[in-house]
Structure formats: C-alpha cells, structure tokens
C-alpha cells in the first residue's frame, strides 16, 4: 500500500492537533470578568449610532465605583479594548462607527482636539 504525501501531511496535522494540550486563549474574557472596568449596558458596542455608544460609555464610567482613572480614561479604555479585541474580524463599517464613537466621546467630555 502506497501512501501519498498529501495523506501523510493530513495525518500529521490531524494527530498534531489532537495531541495538543488546550491553551488559555481567551485572556480578554478574563480581563473583562476581573478588571476594575465599569459595568456597561448590554449591547452597547452593537449600536449603530456613535453618539449613543459614547453617551452610554460616559454614563457607565461616571457612575462606576470600580474605575481607577478618570471617567474619560475609563470610557475610552473600554472602547479601545473592545476595538482591539475584535481585531481584524471586525467589518470595516463597524470599525468606522466605533472610531466615530471615540470622536463623540471626546466631545462629550470636552476633549475635542479640533479648534472650534
């Protein structure tokens, strides 16, 4: 019986993946559970309106007793954490909404860098 190169490669990949010990890949889920970050309104990052996302983050950050920094730092940190966690799998349109939410968040906290 002759075994082709493709069959050997597939066997090798299959056996390798089965014998591999599970690793802790979801560090971000652990950070979410154990951090001092404010508790957010459910589904805040799935909203389509950047102003709505920003105002919800601001409200959560201001009412939180678990934050270490200022409300602005806390809100911006949570937004950036979510964006980074989504990574490359985030659709471009979603990324644009979340980037606009950053701008809105700066405006709500009076930190708009653009001159008026």
Protein backbone atom coordinates (compact mmCIF):
# COMPACT_ATOMS: atom_id res chain seq x y z
CA UNK A 1 0.00 0.00 0.00
CA UNK A 2 1.46 3.31 -1.05
CA UNK A 3 0.71 6.43 0.96
CA UNK A 4 0.76 9.74 -0.85
CA UNK A 5 2.45 12.82 0.51
CA UNK A 6 -0.93 14.55 0.98
CA UNK A 7 -2.21 11.69 3.13
CA UNK A 8 0.90 11.84 5.31
CA UNK A 9 0.57 15.59 5.73
CA UNK A 10 -3.10 15.30 6.65
CA UNK A 11 -2.38 12.52 9.15
CA UNK A 12 0.38 14.58 10.68
CA UNK A 13 -1.84 17.67 11.02
CA UNK A 14 -4.71 15.68 12.46
CA UNK A 15 -2.63 13.84 15.03
CA UNK A 16 -0.80 17.02 15.98
CA UNK A 17 -3.99 18.95 16.63
CA UNK A 18 -5.47 16.13 18.70
CA UNK A 19 -2.44 15.76 20.93
CA UNK A 20 -2.06 19.48 21.52
CA UNK A 21 -2.99 20.49 25.05
CA UNK A 22 -5.67 23.18 25.26
CA UNK A 23 -4.21 26.61 25.91
CA UNK A 24 -5.76 29.58 27.60
CA UNK A 25 -6.50 31.77 24.58
CA UNK A 26 -9.26 33.99 25.92
CA UNK A 27 -7.24 36.33 28.11
CA UNK A 28 -9.54 39.17 27.13
CA UNK A 29 -12.56 37.37 28.60
CA UNK A 30 -10.64 37.01 31.85
CA UNK A 31 -9.76 40.71 31.81
CA UNK A 32 -13.42 41.56 31.27
CA UNK A 33 -14.51 39.48 34.27
CA UNK A 34 -11.83 40.55 36.73
CA UNK A 35 -10.97 44.12 35.81
CA UNK A 36 -11.89 47.33 37.57
CA UNK A 37 -13.62 48.49 34.41
CA UNK A 38 -17.12 49.92 34.73
CA UNK A 39 -20.13 47.71 34.16
CA UNK A 40 -21.50 48.52 30.73
CA UNK A 41 -25.01 48.48 29.37
CA UNK A 42 -25.65 45.26 27.43
CA UNK A 43 -25.15 45.54 23.67
CA UNK A 44 -23.57 48.97 23.85
CA UNK A 45 -20.97 48.10 21.21
CA UNK A 46 -23.54 46.70 18.79
CA UNK A 47 -25.39 50.01 18.46
CA UNK A 48 -25.23 51.81 15.13
CA UNK A 49 -25.22 55.37 16.46
CA UNK A 50 -21.78 56.60 17.61
CA UNK A 51 -23.38 59.24 19.88
CA UNK A 52 -25.44 56.55 21.60
CA UNK A 53 -22.35 54.40 22.18
CA UNK A 54 -20.39 57.36 23.53
CA UNK A 55 -23.15 58.56 25.86
CA UNK A 56 -23.66 55.06 27.25
CA UNK A 57 -19.92 54.67 27.90
CA UNK A 58 -19.82 58.08 29.55
CA UNK A 59 -22.79 57.29 31.77
CA UNK A 60 -21.31 53.93 32.80
CA UNK A 61 -17.89 55.41 33.53
CA UNK A 62 -19.28 58.28 35.60
CA UNK A 63 -21.48 56.03 37.73
CA UNK A 64 -18.89 53.33 38.26
CA UNK A 65 -17.17 52.89 41.61
CA UNK A 66 -14.77 50.29 40.18
CA UNK A 67 -12.67 52.52 37.95
CA UNK A 68 -9.12 53.58 38.70
CA UNK A 69 -8.68 56.51 36.32
CA UNK A 70 -10.90 59.41 35.34
CA UNK A 71 -14.28 58.70 33.76
CA UNK A 72 -12.89 59.77 30.37
CA UNK A 73 -9.92 57.39 30.66
CA UNK A 74 -12.17 54.56 31.72
CA UNK A 75 -14.69 55.06 28.91
CA UNK A 76 -12.04 55.45 26.21
CA UNK A 77 -10.17 52.45 27.57
CA UNK A 78 -13.26 50.23 27.32
CA UNK A 79 -13.92 51.38 23.77
CA UNK A 80 -10.32 50.73 22.71
CA UNK A 81 -10.33 47.37 24.46
CA UNK A 82 -13.39 46.30 22.50
CA UNK A 83 -11.96 47.53 19.19
CA UNK A 84 -8.68 45.72 19.80
CA UNK A 85 -10.47 42.57 20.92
CA UNK A 86 -12.45 42.46 17.67
CA UNK A 87 -9.25 42.81 15.68
CA UNK A 88 -9.23 42.01 12.00
CA UNK A 89 -12.51 40.13 12.16
CA UNK A 90 -14.41 43.39 12.63
CA UNK A 91 -16.22 44.58 9.49
CA UNK A 92 -14.98 47.92 8.16
CA UNK A 93 -18.37 49.58 8.66
CA UNK A 94 -18.39 48.54 12.34
CA UNK A 95 -14.88 49.93 12.75
CA UNK A 96 -15.94 53.27 11.31
CA UNK A 97 -18.88 53.50 13.75
CA UNK A 98 -16.62 52.72 16.71
CA UNK A 99 -13.96 55.20 15.58
CA UNK A 100 -16.68 57.87 15.32
CA UNK A 101 -17.76 56.89 18.84
CA UNK A 102 -14.26 57.85 20.02
CA UNK A 103 -14.71 61.30 18.49
CA UNK A 104 -18.13 61.65 20.13
CA UNK A 105 -16.72 60.52 23.47
CA UNK A 106 -14.04 63.20 23.31
CA UNK A 107 -16.72 65.79 22.54
CA UNK A 108 -18.92 64.65 25.45
CA UNK A 109 -16.01 65.01 27.86
CA UNK A 110 -14.96 68.36 26.39
CA UNK A 111 -11.73 66.98 24.98
CA UNK A 112 -12.32 67.66 21.33
CA UNK A 113 -8.82 68.33 19.93
CA UNK A 114 -10.11 70.28 16.96
CA UNK A 115 -10.38 74.08 17.31
CA UNK A 116 -13.93 75.40 17.19
